[in-house]
């Protein structure tokens, strides 16, 4: 399950946020926007993996 929201402040600037939740089974590899592998980073089998981010993007 994942959600993404973006709010445009102008043509070139936007605020964004996202949330993802996945069940980590048997050391599964879950790639996020930032290529985080939960199994290699202390993920415990069977526990949920959650990612939340928020930011500002500006195009030049």
C-alpha atoms as a PDB file:
ATOM      1  CA  UNK A   1       0.000   0.000   0.000  1.00  0.00           C
ATOM      2  CA  UNK A   2       1.354   3.417  -0.855  1.00  0.00           C
ATOM      3  CA  UNK A   3       0.117   6.974  -1.108  1.00  0.00           C
ATOM      4  CA  UNK A   4       1.597  10.007  -2.859  1.00  0.00           C
ATOM      5  CA  UNK A   5       0.459  13.623  -2.785  1.00  0.00           C
ATOM      6  CA  UNK A   6       1.885  16.685  -4.494  1.00  0.00           C
ATOM      7  CA  UNK A   7       0.789  20.300  -4.102  1.00  0.00           C
ATOM      8  CA  UNK A   8       2.043  22.742  -6.737  1.00  0.00           C
ATOM      9  CA  UNK A   9       3.029  26.127  -5.290  1.00  0.00           C
ATOM     10  CA  UNK A  10       3.929  27.445  -8.741  1.00  0.00           C
ATOM     11  CA  UNK A  11       4.872  26.120 -12.200  1.00  0.00           C
ATOM     12  CA  UNK A  12       8.328  25.137 -10.921  1.00  0.00           C
ATOM     13  CA  UNK A  13       7.897  24.540  -7.180  1.00  0.00           C
ATOM     14  CA  UNK A  14       5.932  21.791  -5.442  1.00  0.00           C
ATOM     15  CA  UNK A  15       5.502  20.282  -1.995  1.00  0.00           C
ATOM     16  CA  UNK A  16       5.260  16.491  -1.852  1.00  0.00           C
ATOM     17  CA  UNK A  17       4.684  13.718   0.636  1.00  0.00           C
ATOM     18  CA  UNK A  18       4.415   9.944   0.386  1.00  0.00           C
ATOM     19  CA  UNK A  19       3.818   6.949   2.625  1.00  0.00           C
ATOM     20  CA  UNK A  20       4.346   3.252   1.953  1.00  0.00           C
ATOM     21  CA  UNK A  21       3.622   0.199   4.082  1.00  0.00           C
ATOM     22  CA  UNK A  22       4.589  -3.373   3.178  1.00  0.00           C
ATOM     23  CA  UNK A  23       4.817  -6.678   5.024  1.00  0.00           C
ATOM     24  CA  UNK A  24       8.382  -7.962   5.193  1.00  0.00           C
ATOM     25  CA  UNK A  25       8.211 -11.759   4.823  1.00  0.00           C
ATOM     26  CA  UNK A  26      11.238 -14.069   4.953  1.00  0.00           C
ATOM     27  CA  UNK A  27      13.826 -11.320   4.466  1.00  0.00           C
ATOM     28  CA  UNK A  28      12.100  -9.948   1.393  1.00  0.00           C
ATOM     29  CA  UNK A  29      13.738  -7.132  -0.518  1.00  0.00           C
ATOM     30  CA  UNK A  30      11.505  -4.076  -0.701  1.00  0.00           C
ATOM     31  CA  UNK A  31      12.884  -1.273  -2.852  1.00  0.00           C
ATOM     32  CA  UNK A  32      11.618   2.182  -2.020  1.00  0.00           C
ATOM     33  CA  UNK A  33      12.101   5.466  -3.761  1.00  0.00           C
ATOM     34  CA  UNK A  34      15.509   5.642  -2.052  1.00  0.00           C
ATOM     35  CA  UNK A  35      16.433   1.967  -2.775  1.00  0.00           C
ATOM     36  CA  UNK A  36      16.291   0.878   0.859  1.00  0.00           C
ATOM     37  CA  UNK A  37      16.495  -2.879   1.315  1.00  0.00           C
ATOM     38  CA  UNK A  38      14.725  -3.568   4.618  1.00  0.00           C
ATOM     39  CA  UNK A  39      16.151  -7.084   4.948  1.00  0.00           C
ATOM     40  CA  UNK A  40      19.735  -5.767   4.810  1.00  0.00           C
ATOM     41  CA  UNK A  41      19.000  -2.880   7.187  1.00  0.00           C
ATOM     42  CA  UNK A  42      17.778  -4.742  10.251  1.00  0.00           C
ATOM     43  CA  UNK A  43      14.323  -5.665   8.966  1.00  0.00           C
ATOM     44  CA  UNK A  44      12.700  -8.483  10.910  1.00  0.00           C
ATOM     45  CA  UNK A  45      10.737 -11.099   8.934  1.00  0.00           C
ATOM     46  CA  UNK A  46       6.991 -10.693   9.296  1.00  0.00           C
ATOM     47  CA  UNK A  47       7.084  -7.130  10.614  1.00  0.00           C
ATOM     48  CA  UNK A  48       5.707  -4.219   8.605  1.00  0.00           C
ATOM     49  CA  UNK A  49       8.104  -1.942   6.757  1.00  0.00           C
ATOM     50  CA  UNK A  50       6.993   1.695   6.700  1.00  0.00           C
ATOM     51  CA  UNK A  51       8.431   4.658   4.787  1.00  0.00           C
ATOM     52  CA  UNK A  52       7.318   8.288   5.039  1.00  0.00           C
ATOM     53  CA  UNK A  53       8.855  11.295   3.306  1.00  0.00           C
ATOM     54  CA  UNK A  54       8.052  14.947   2.798  1.00  0.00           C
ATOM     55  CA  UNK A  55       9.844  17.592   0.777  1.00  0.00           C
ATOM     56  CA  UNK A  56       9.998  20.542  -1.565  1.00  0.00           C
ATOM     57  CA  UNK A  57      10.959  20.179  -5.216  1.00  0.00           C
ATOM     58  CA  UNK A  58      12.061  23.086  -7.402  1.00  0.00           C
ATOM     59  CA  UNK A  59      12.919  22.859 -11.110  1.00  0.00           C
ATOM     60  CA  UNK A  60      15.440  25.261 -12.611  1.00  0.00           C
END
